[in-house]
Amino acid sequence: MNGVLYGVDGRAEAEVLELTERIGEETIITRCGNALTSQ
């Protein structure tokens, strides 16, 4: 398929919210260094 670009592409907003709620923002930041965003 076409390449999906960086943070200017926001198609996965629902998945960002779901994963953040499921894992927890603090855990994500601690383990991954970044909150989940369109990036």
PDB file of all heavy atoms in Angstrom:
ATOM      1  N   MET A   1       0.867  -1.179   0.000  1.00  0.00           N
ATOM      2  CA  MET A   1       0.000   0.000   0.000  1.00  0.00           C
ATOM      3  C   MET A   1       0.904   1.229   0.000  1.00  0.00           C
ATOM      4  O   MET A   1       2.132   1.101   0.040  1.00  0.00           O
ATOM      5  CB  MET A   1      -0.917   0.013   1.234  1.00  0.00           C
ATOM      6  CG  MET A   1      -0.170   0.062   2.565  1.00  0.00           C
ATOM      7  SD  MET A   1      -1.251   0.062   4.021  1.00  0.00           S
ATOM      8  CE  MET A   1      -1.900   1.746   3.976  1.00  0.00           C
ATOM      9  N   ASN A   2       0.316   2.398  -0.053  1.00  0.00           N
ATOM     10  CA  ASN A   2       1.106   3.617   0.091  1.00  0.00           C
ATOM     11  C   ASN A   2       1.723   3.694   1.479  1.00  0.00           C
ATOM     12  O   ASN A   2       1.188   3.133   2.450  1.00  0.00           O
ATOM     13  CB  ASN A   2       0.231   4.850  -0.139  1.00  0.00           C
ATOM     14  CG  ASN A   2      -0.066   5.098  -1.607  1.00  0.00           C
ATOM     15  OD1 ASN A   2       0.630   4.580  -2.492  1.00  0.00           O
ATOM     16  ND2 ASN A   2      -1.088   5.879  -1.884  1.00  0.00           N
ATOM     17  N   GLY A   3       2.836   4.415   1.580  1.00  0.00           N
ATOM     18  CA  GLY A   3       3.452   4.639   2.877  1.00  0.00           C
ATOM     19  C   GLY A   3       2.637   5.625   3.690  1.00  0.00           C
ATOM     20  O   GLY A   3       2.269   6.696   3.197  1.00  0.00           O
ATOM     21  N   VAL A   4       2.336   5.264   4.923  1.00  0.00           N
ATOM     22  CA  VAL A   4       1.600   6.147   5.839  1.00  0.00           C
ATOM     23  C   VAL A   4       2.623   7.040   6.530  1.00  0.00           C
ATOM     24  O   VAL A   4       3.564   6.548   7.163  1.00  0.00           O
ATOM     25  CB  VAL A   4       0.804   5.323   6.863  1.00  0.00           C
ATOM     26  CG1 VAL A   4       0.112   6.227   7.868  1.00  0.00           C
ATOM     27  CG2 VAL A   4      -0.216   4.435   6.149  1.00  0.00           C
ATOM     28  N   LEU A   5       2.453   8.348   6.421  1.00  0.00           N
ATOM     29  CA  LEU A   5       3.475   9.273   6.890  1.00  0.00           C
ATOM     30  C   LEU A   5       3.477   9.448   8.410  1.00  0.00           C
ATOM     31  O   LEU A   5       2.714   8.806   9.127  1.00  0.00           O
ATOM     32  CB  LEU A   5       3.321  10.623   6.193  1.00  0.00           C
ATOM     33  CG  LEU A   5       3.434  10.604   4.666  1.00  0.00           C
ATOM     34  CD1 LEU A   5       3.654  12.011   4.118  1.00  0.00           C
ATOM     35  CD2 LEU A   5       4.536   9.676   4.162  1.00  0.00           C
ATOM     36  N   TYR A   6       4.345  10.303   8.853  1.00  0.00           N
ATOM     37  CA  TYR A   6       4.644  10.536  10.270  1.00  0.00           C
ATOM     38  C   TYR A   6       3.465  11.191  10.973  1.00  0.00           C
ATOM     39  O   TYR A   6       2.309  10.894  10.672  1.00  0.00           O
ATOM     40  CB  TYR A   6       5.921  11.371  10.376  1.00  0.00           C
ATOM     41  CG  TYR A   6       5.919  12.604   9.492  1.00  0.00           C
ATOM     42  CD1 TYR A   6       5.613  13.850  10.004  1.00  0.00           C
ATOM     43  CD2 TYR A   6       6.225  12.511   8.133  1.00  0.00           C
ATOM     44  CE1 TYR A   6       5.603  14.981   9.197  1.00  0.00           C
ATOM     45  CE2 TYR A   6       6.223  13.642   7.308  1.00  0.00           C
ATOM     46  CZ  TYR A   6       5.904  14.867   7.856  1.00  0.00           C
ATOM     47  OH  TYR A   6       5.893  15.976   7.048  1.00  0.00           O
ATOM     48  N   GLY A   7       3.714  12.078  11.938  1.00  0.00           N
ATOM     49  CA  GLY A   7       2.651  12.610  12.786  1.00  0.00           C
ATOM     50  C   GLY A   7       1.608  13.451  12.098  1.00  0.00           C
ATOM     51  O   GLY A   7       0.572  13.746  12.695  1.00  0.00           O
ATOM     52  N   VAL A   8       1.828  13.843  10.836  1.00  0.00           N
ATOM     53  CA  VAL A   8       0.788  14.582  10.116  1.00  0.00           C
ATOM     54  C   VAL A   8      -0.360  13.669   9.707  1.00  0.00           C
ATOM     55  O   VAL A   8      -1.414  14.150   9.290  1.00  0.00           O
ATOM     56  CB  VAL A   8       1.357  15.294   8.867  1.00  0.00           C
ATOM     57  CG1 VAL A   8       2.369  16.339   9.271  1.00  0.00           C
ATOM     58  CG2 VAL A   8       1.977  14.295   7.889  1.00  0.00           C
ATOM     59  N   ASP A   9      -0.166  12.371   9.807  1.00  0.00           N
ATOM     60  CA  ASP A   9      -1.233  11.412   9.517  1.00  0.00           C
ATOM     61  C   ASP A   9      -1.855  10.965  10.838  1.00  0.00           C
ATOM     62  O   ASP A   9      -1.201  10.335  11.673  1.00  0.00           O
ATOM     63  CB  ASP A   9      -0.678  10.193   8.764  1.00  0.00           C
ATOM     64  CG  ASP A   9      -1.779   9.228   8.352  1.00  0.00           C
ATOM     65  OD1 ASP A   9      -2.335   8.537   9.237  1.00  0.00           O
ATOM     66  OD2 ASP A   9      -2.100   9.174   7.156  1.00  0.00           O
ATOM     67  N   GLY A  10      -3.132  11.302  11.013  1.00  0.00           N
ATOM     68  CA  GLY A  10      -3.802  11.019  12.284  1.00  0.00           C
ATOM     69  C   GLY A  10      -4.849   9.932  12.201  1.00  0.00           C
ATOM     70  O   GLY A  10      -5.756   9.896  13.034  1.00  0.00           O
ATOM     71  N   ARG A  11      -4.709   9.002  11.237  1.00  0.00           N
ATOM     72  CA  ARG A  11      -5.761   8.007  11.022  1.00  0.00           C
ATOM     73  C   ARG A  11      -5.940   7.045  12.195  1.00  0.00           C
ATOM     74  O   ARG A  11      -6.996   6.423  12.336  1.00  0.00           O
ATOM     75  CB  ARG A  11      -5.464   7.203   9.761  1.00  0.00           C
ATOM     76  CG  ARG A  11      -4.293   6.213   9.869  1.00  0.00           C
ATOM     77  CD  ARG A  11      -4.016   5.520   8.556  1.00  0.00           C
ATOM     78  NE  ARG A  11      -3.582   6.462   7.532  1.00  0.00           N
ATOM     79  CZ  ARG A  11      -3.535   6.170   6.233  1.00  0.00           C
ATOM     80  NH1 ARG A  11      -3.913   4.980   5.812  1.00  0.00           N
ATOM     81  NH2 ARG A  11      -3.119   7.075   5.368  1.00  0.00           N
ATOM     82  N   ALA A  12      -4.909   6.879  13.013  1.00  0.00           N
ATOM     83  CA  ALA A  12      -4.970   5.876  14.081  1.00  0.00           C
ATOM     84  C   ALA A  12      -5.343   6.486  15.427  1.00  0.00           C
ATOM     85  O   ALA A  12      -4.969   5.960  16.474  1.00  0.00           O
ATOM     86  CB  ALA A  12      -3.634   5.145  14.192  1.00  0.00           C
ATOM     87  N   GLU A  13      -6.115   7.556  15.413  1.00  0.00           N
ATOM     88  CA  GLU A  13      -6.495   8.220  16.670  1.00  0.00           C
ATOM     89  C   GLU A  13      -7.204   7.250  17.620  1.00  0.00           C
ATOM     90  O   GLU A  13      -6.928   7.220  18.831  1.00  0.00           O
ATOM     91  CB  GLU A  13      -7.405   9.412  16.378  1.00  0.00           C
ATOM     92  CG  GLU A  13      -7.858  10.147  17.631  1.00  0.00           C
ATOM     93  CD  GLU A  13      -8.909  11.206  17.354  1.00  0.00           C
ATOM     94  OE1 GLU A  13      -9.373  11.298  16.196  1.00  0.00           O
ATOM     95  OE2 GLU A  13      -9.263  11.934  18.295  1.00  0.00           O
ATOM     96  N   ALA A  14      -8.124   6.437  17.092  1.00  0.00           N
ATOM     97  CA  ALA A  14      -8.856   5.503  17.956  1.00  0.00           C
ATOM     98  C   ALA A  14      -7.914   4.488  18.582  1.00  0.00           C
ATOM     99  O   ALA A  14      -8.047   4.139  19.765  1.00  0.00           O
ATOM    100  CB  ALA A  14      -9.942   4.796  17.154  1.00  0.00           C
ATOM    101  N   GLU A  15      -6.937   4.006  17.805  1.00  0.00           N
ATOM    102  CA  GLU A  15      -5.979   3.019  18.322  1.00  0.00           C
ATOM    103  C   GLU A  15      -5.047   3.653  19.358  1.00  0.00           C
ATOM    104  O   GLU A  15      -4.664   2.994  20.340  1.00  0.00           O
ATOM    105  CB  GLU A  15      -5.175   2.426  17.162  1.00  0.00           C
ATOM    106  CG  GLU A  15      -5.942   1.446  16.293  1.00  0.00           C
ATOM    107  CD  GLU A  15      -6.956   2.119  15.366  1.00  0.00           C
ATOM    108  OE1 GLU A  15      -6.836   3.352  15.123  1.00  0.00           O
ATOM    109  OE2 GLU A  15      -7.857   1.431  14.870  1.00  0.00           O
ATOM    110  N   VAL A  16      -4.683   4.916  19.155  1.00  0.00           N
ATOM    111  CA  VAL A  16      -3.866   5.631  20.139  1.00  0.00           C
ATOM    112  C   VAL A  16      -4.592   5.692  21.479  1.00  0.00           C
ATOM    113  O   VAL A  16      -4.023   5.389  22.541  1.00  0.00           O
ATOM    114  CB  VAL A  16      -3.537   7.059  19.644  1.00  0.00           C
ATOM    115  CG1 VAL A  16      -2.973   7.902  20.785  1.00  0.00           C
ATOM    116  CG2 VAL A  16      -2.543   7.013  18.500  1.00  0.00           C
ATOM    117  N   LEU A  17      -5.857   6.078  21.443  1.00  0.00           N
ATOM    118  CA  LEU A  17      -6.639   6.193  22.669  1.00  0.00           C
ATOM    119  C   LEU A  17      -6.834   4.841  23.335  1.00  0.00           C
ATOM    120  O   LEU A  17      -6.700   4.711  24.563  1.00  0.00           O
ATOM    121  CB  LEU A  17      -7.991   6.832  22.358  1.00  0.00           C
ATOM    122  CG  LEU A  17      -7.945   8.294  21.866  1.00  0.00           C
ATOM    123  CD1 LEU A  17      -9.330   8.749  21.430  1.00  0.00           C
ATOM    124  CD2 LEU A  17      -7.397   9.211  22.949  1.00  0.00           C
ATOM    125  N   GLU A  18      -7.130   3.824  22.535  1.00  0.00           N
ATOM    126  CA  GLU A  18      -7.370   2.497  23.110  1.00  0.00           C
ATOM    127  C   GLU A  18      -6.119   1.932  23.769  1.00  0.00           C
ATOM    128  O   GLU A  18      -6.164   1.423  24.900  1.00  0.00           O
ATOM    129  CB  GLU A  18      -7.841   1.539  22.016  1.00  0.00           C
ATOM    130  CG  GLU A  18      -8.073   0.113  22.533  1.00  0.00           C
ATOM    131  CD  GLU A  18      -8.142  -0.913  21.410  1.00  0.00           C
ATOM    132  OE1 GLU A  18      -8.694  -0.585  20.343  1.00  0.00           O
ATOM    133  OE2 GLU A  18      -7.639  -2.031  21.617  1.00  0.00           O
ATOM    134  N   LEU A  19      -4.978   2.006  23.058  1.00  0.00           N
ATOM    135  CA  LEU A  19      -3.736   1.459  23.611  1.00  0.00           C
ATOM    136  C   LEU A  19      -3.299   2.229  24.854  1.00  0.00           C
ATOM    137  O   LEU A  19      -2.803   1.644  25.821  1.00  0.00           O
ATOM    138  CB  LEU A  19      -2.634   1.486  22.558  1.00  0.00           C
ATOM    139  CG  LEU A  19      -2.763   0.467  21.419  1.00  0.00           C
ATOM    140  CD1 LEU A  19      -1.781   0.777  20.300  1.00  0.00           C
ATOM    141  CD2 LEU A  19      -2.536  -0.952  21.940  1.00  0.00           C
ATOM    142  N   THR A  20      -3.490   3.544  24.839  1.00  0.00           N
ATOM    143  CA  THR A  20      -3.130   4.347  26.005  1.00  0.00           C
ATOM    144  C   THR A  20      -3.971   3.959  27.211  1.00  0.00           C
ATOM    145  O   THR A  20      -3.455   3.812  28.334  1.00  0.00           O
ATOM    146  CB  THR A  20      -3.302   5.846  25.697  1.00  0.00           C
ATOM    147  OG1 THR A  20      -2.469   6.207  24.599  1.00  0.00           O
ATOM    148  CG2 THR A  20      -2.936   6.694  26.911  1.00  0.00           C
ATOM    149  N   GLU A  21      -5.261   3.765  26.994  1.00  0.00           N
ATOM    150  CA  GLU A  21      -6.141   3.370  28.099  1.00  0.00           C
ATOM    151  C   GLU A  21      -5.809   1.958  28.583  1.00  0.00           C
ATOM    152  O   GLU A  21      -5.795   1.687  29.783  1.00  0.00           O
ATOM    153  CB  GLU A  21      -7.599   3.429  27.636  1.00  0.00           C
ATOM    154  CG  GLU A  21      -8.595   3.100  28.748  1.00  0.00           C
ATOM    155  CD  GLU A  21     -10.041   3.246  28.306  1.00  0.00           C
ATOM    156  OE1 GLU A  21     -10.269   3.732  27.177  1.00  0.00           O
ATOM    157  OE2 GLU A  21     -10.927   2.888  29.090  1.00  0.00           O
ATOM    158  N   ARG A  22      -5.524   1.080  27.641  1.00  0.00           N
ATOM    159  CA  ARG A  22      -5.263  -0.316  28.001  1.00  0.00           C
ATOM    160  C   ARG A  22      -3.940  -0.480  28.760  1.00  0.00           C
ATOM    161  O   ARG A  22      -3.859  -1.197  29.762  1.00  0.00           O
ATOM    162  CB  ARG A  22      -5.229  -1.174  26.731  1.00  0.00           C
ATOM    163  CG  ARG A  22      -5.171  -2.675  27.024  1.00  0.00           C
ATOM    164  CD  ARG A  22      -4.573  -3.485  25.882  1.00  0.00           C
ATOM    165  NE  ARG A  22      -5.140  -3.200  24.578  1.00  0.00           N
ATOM    166  CZ  ARG A  22      -4.675  -3.736  23.449  1.00  0.00           C
ATOM    167  NH1 ARG A  22      -3.643  -4.569  23.493  1.00  0.00           N
ATOM    168  NH2 ARG A  22      -5.213  -3.442  22.283  1.00  0.00           N
ATOM    169  N   ILE A  23      -2.886   0.210  28.293  1.00  0.00           N
ATOM    170  CA  ILE A  23      -1.556   0.032  28.878  1.00  0.00           C
ATOM    171  C   ILE A  23      -1.316   1.017  30.017  1.00  0.00           C
ATOM    172  O   ILE A  23      -0.689   0.679  31.027  1.00  0.00           O
ATOM    173  CB  ILE A  23      -0.476   0.209  27.792  1.00  0.00           C
ATOM    174  CG1 ILE A  23      -0.684  -0.802  26.654  1.00  0.00           C
ATOM    175  CG2 ILE A  23       0.917   0.039  28.385  1.00  0.00           C
ATOM    176  CD1 ILE A  23       0.163  -0.511  25.426  1.00  0.00           C
ATOM    177  N   GLY A  24      -1.809   2.235  29.854  1.00  0.00           N
ATOM    178  CA  GLY A  24      -1.561   3.291  30.829  1.00  0.00           C
ATOM    179  C   GLY A  24      -0.477   4.229  30.341  1.00  0.00           C
ATOM    180  O   GLY A  24       0.617   3.773  29.976  1.00  0.00           O
ATOM    181  N   GLU A  25      -0.779   5.538  30.323  1.00  0.00           N
ATOM    182  CA  GLU A  25       0.176   6.498  29.775  1.00  0.00           C
ATOM    183  C   GLU A  25       1.499   6.497  30.525  1.00  0.00           C
ATOM    184  O   GLU A  25       2.573   6.554  29.914  1.00  0.00           O
ATOM    185  CB  GLU A  25      -0.426   7.903  29.794  1.00  0.00           C
ATOM    186  CG  GLU A  25       0.497   8.949  29.167  1.00  0.00           C
ATOM    187  CD  GLU A  25      -0.130  10.318  29.094  1.00  0.00           C
ATOM    188  OE1 GLU A  25      -0.211  10.992  30.146  1.00  0.00           O
ATOM    189  OE2 GLU A  25      -0.540  10.714  27.995  1.00  0.00           O
ATOM    190  N   GLU A  26       1.453   6.395  31.848  1.00  0.00           N
ATOM    191  CA  GLU A  26       2.694   6.413  32.628  1.00  0.00           C
ATOM    192  C   GLU A  26       3.591   5.234  32.276  1.00  0.00           C
ATOM    193  O   GLU A  26       4.805   5.368  32.128  1.00  0.00           O
ATOM    194  CB  GLU A  26       2.373   6.408  34.122  1.00  0.00           C
ATOM    195  CG  GLU A  26       3.607   6.551  34.999  1.00  0.00           C
ATOM    196  CD  GLU A  26       3.274   6.663  36.472  1.00  0.00           C
ATOM    197  OE1 GLU A  26       2.100   6.939  36.813  1.00  0.00           O
ATOM    198  OE2 GLU A  26       4.197   6.477  37.297  1.00  0.00           O
ATOM    199  N   THR A  27       2.976   4.047  32.120  1.00  0.00           N
ATOM    200  CA  THR A  27       3.753   2.860  31.750  1.00  0.00           C
ATOM    201  C   THR A  27       4.367   3.030  30.373  1.00  0.00           C
ATOM    202  O   THR A  27       5.541   2.687  30.143  1.00  0.00           O
ATOM    203  CB  THR A  27       2.854   1.609  31.767  1.00  0.00           C
ATOM    204  OG1 THR A  27       2.354   1.414  33.084  1.00  0.00           O
ATOM    205  CG2 THR A  27       3.619   0.376  31.321  1.00  0.00           C
ATOM    206  N   ILE A  28       3.592   3.556  29.434  1.00  0.00           N
ATOM    207  CA  ILE A  28       4.090   3.747  28.078  1.00  0.00           C
ATOM    208  C   ILE A  28       5.274   4.709  28.072  1.00  0.00           C
ATOM    209  O   ILE A  28       6.311   4.441  27.444  1.00  0.00           O
ATOM    210  CB  ILE A  28       2.967   4.273  27.154  1.00  0.00           C
ATOM    211  CG1 ILE A  28       1.882   3.213  26.977  1.00  0.00           C
ATOM    212  CG2 ILE A  28       3.533   4.670  25.790  1.00  0.00           C
ATOM    213  CD1 ILE A  28       0.629   3.729  26.309  1.00  0.00           C
ATOM    214  N   ILE A  29       5.146   5.827  28.776  1.00  0.00           N
ATOM    215  CA  ILE A  29       6.234   6.805  28.800  1.00  0.00           C
ATOM    216  C   ILE A  29       7.473   6.224  29.465  1.00  0.00           C
ATOM    217  O   ILE A  29       8.605   6.405  28.994  1.00  0.00           O
ATOM    218  CB  ILE A  29       5.776   8.092  29.508  1.00  0.00           C
ATOM    219  CG1 ILE A  29       4.702   8.805  28.673  1.00  0.00           C
ATOM    220  CG2 ILE A  29       6.961   9.030  29.752  1.00  0.00           C
ATOM    221  CD1 ILE A  29       4.069   9.988  29.362  1.00  0.00           C
ATOM    222  N   THR A  30       7.287   5.505  30.562  1.00  0.00           N
ATOM    223  CA  THR A  30       8.423   4.918  31.279  1.00  0.00           C
ATOM    224  C   THR A  30       9.148   3.884  30.421  1.00  0.00           C
ATOM    225  O   THR A  30      10.380   3.865  30.362  1.00  0.00           O
ATOM    226  CB  THR A  30       7.952   4.261  32.585  1.00  0.00           C
ATOM    227  OG1 THR A  30       7.325   5.247  33.401  1.00  0.00           O
ATOM    228  CG2 THR A  30       9.128   3.648  33.340  1.00  0.00           C
ATOM    229  N   ARG A  31       8.382   3.035  29.767  1.00  0.00           N
ATOM    230  CA  ARG A  31       8.979   1.938  28.993  1.00  0.00           C
ATOM    231  C   ARG A  31       9.438   2.375  27.607  1.00  0.00           C
ATOM    232  O   ARG A  31      10.450   1.884  27.097  1.00  0.00           O
ATOM    233  CB  ARG A  31       7.958   0.805  28.840  1.00  0.00           C
ATOM    234  CG  ARG A  31       7.588   0.114  30.156  1.00  0.00           C
ATOM    235  CD  ARG A  31       8.681  -0.837  30.624  1.00  0.00           C
ATOM    236  NE  ARG A  31       8.990  -1.835  29.610  1.00  0.00           N
ATOM    237  CZ  ARG A  31       8.249  -2.922  29.386  1.00  0.00           C
ATOM    238  NH1 ARG A  31       7.166  -3.152  30.115  1.00  0.00           N
ATOM    239  NH2 ARG A  31       8.603  -3.781  28.450  1.00  0.00           N
ATOM    240  N   CYS A  32       8.675   3.278  26.967  1.00  0.00           N
ATOM    241  CA  CYS A  32       8.930   3.617  25.566  1.00  0.00           C
ATOM    242  C   CYS A  32       9.535   5.010  25.372  1.00  0.00           C
ATOM    243  O   CYS A  32      10.023   5.315  24.283  1.00  0.00           O
ATOM    244  CB  CYS A  32       7.638   3.510  24.757  1.00  0.00           C
ATOM    245  SG  CYS A  32       6.812   1.908  24.897  1.00  0.00           S
ATOM    246  N   GLY A  33       9.454   5.848  26.411  1.00  0.00           N
ATOM    247  CA  GLY A  33      10.015   7.189  26.306  1.00  0.00           C
ATOM    248  C   GLY A  33       9.088   8.206  25.686  1.00  0.00           C
ATOM    249  O   GLY A  33       9.405   9.394  25.651  1.00  0.00           O
ATOM    250  N   ASN A  34       7.940   7.753  25.173  1.00  0.00           N
ATOM    251  CA  ASN A  34       7.019   8.646  24.472  1.00  0.00           C
ATOM    252  C   ASN A  34       5.583   8.253  24.764  1.00  0.00           C
ATOM    253  O   ASN A  34       5.260   7.064  24.822  1.00  0.00           O
ATOM    254  CB  ASN A  34       7.221   8.546  22.954  1.00  0.00           C
ATOM    255  CG  ASN A  34       8.636   8.838  22.524  1.00  0.00           C
ATOM    256  OD1 ASN A  34       9.042   9.976  22.492  1.00  0.00           O
ATOM    257  ND2 ASN A  34       9.393   7.790  22.209  1.00  0.00           N
ATOM    258  N   ALA A  35       4.735   9.239  24.929  1.00  0.00           N
ATOM    259  CA  ALA A  35       3.305   8.955  24.938  1.00  0.00           C
ATOM    260  C   ALA A  35       2.890   8.542  23.532  1.00  0.00           C
ATOM    261  O   ALA A  35       3.549   8.880  22.544  1.00  0.00           O
ATOM    262  CB  ALA A  35       2.526  10.193  25.377  1.00  0.00           C
ATOM    263  N   LEU A  36       1.808   7.789  23.419  1.00  0.00           N
ATOM    264  CA  LEU A  36       1.300   7.429  22.098  1.00  0.00           C
ATOM    265  C   LEU A  36       0.588   8.628  21.489  1.00  0.00           C
ATOM    266  O   LEU A  36      -0.290   9.229  22.110  1.00  0.00           O
ATOM    267  CB  LEU A  36       0.336   6.248  22.205  1.00  0.00           C
ATOM    268  CG  LEU A  36       0.955   4.915  22.642  1.00  0.00           C
ATOM    269  CD1 LEU A  36      -0.102   3.824  22.686  1.00  0.00           C
ATOM    270  CD2 LEU A  36       2.108   4.513  21.737  1.00  0.00           C
ATOM    271  N   THR A  37       0.980   8.985  20.276  1.00  0.00           N
ATOM    272  CA  THR A  37       0.410  10.118  19.552  1.00  0.00           C
ATOM    273  C   THR A  37       0.309   9.749  18.079  1.00  0.00           C
ATOM    274  O   THR A  37       0.614   8.618  17.680  1.00  0.00           O
ATOM    275  CB  THR A  37       1.296  11.376  19.690  1.00  0.00           C
ATOM    276  OG1 THR A  37       2.527  11.159  18.966  1.00  0.00           O
ATOM    277  CG2 THR A  37       1.617  11.677  21.151  1.00  0.00           C
ATOM    278  N   SER A  38      -0.072  10.720  17.262  1.00  0.00           N
ATOM    279  CA  SER A  38      -0.130  10.477  15.818  1.00  0.00           C
ATOM    280  C   SER A  38       1.248  10.202  15.231  1.00  0.00           C
ATOM    281  O   SER A  38       1.360   9.719  14.100  1.00  0.00           O
ATOM    282  CB  SER A  38      -0.754  11.686  15.106  1.00  0.00           C
ATOM    283  OG  SER A  38       0.053  12.838  15.266  1.00  0.00           O
ATOM    284  N   GLN A  39       2.312  10.469  15.990  1.00  0.00           N
ATOM    285  CA  GLN A  39       3.678  10.197  15.543  1.00  0.00           C
ATOM    286  C   GLN A  39       4.045   8.720  15.713  1.00  0.00           C
ATOM    287  O   GLN A  39       4.983   8.238  15.088  1.00  0.00           O
ATOM    288  CB  GLN A  39       4.660  11.073  16.334  1.00  0.00           C
ATOM    289  CG  GLN A  39       6.093  11.046  15.849  1.00  0.00           C
ATOM    290  CD  GLN A  39       6.359  11.989  14.700  1.00  0.00           C
ATOM    291  OE1 GLN A  39       5.440  12.500  14.088  1.00  0.00           O
ATOM    292  NE2 GLN A  39       7.616  12.220  14.402  1.00  0.00           N
TER     293      GLN A  39
END
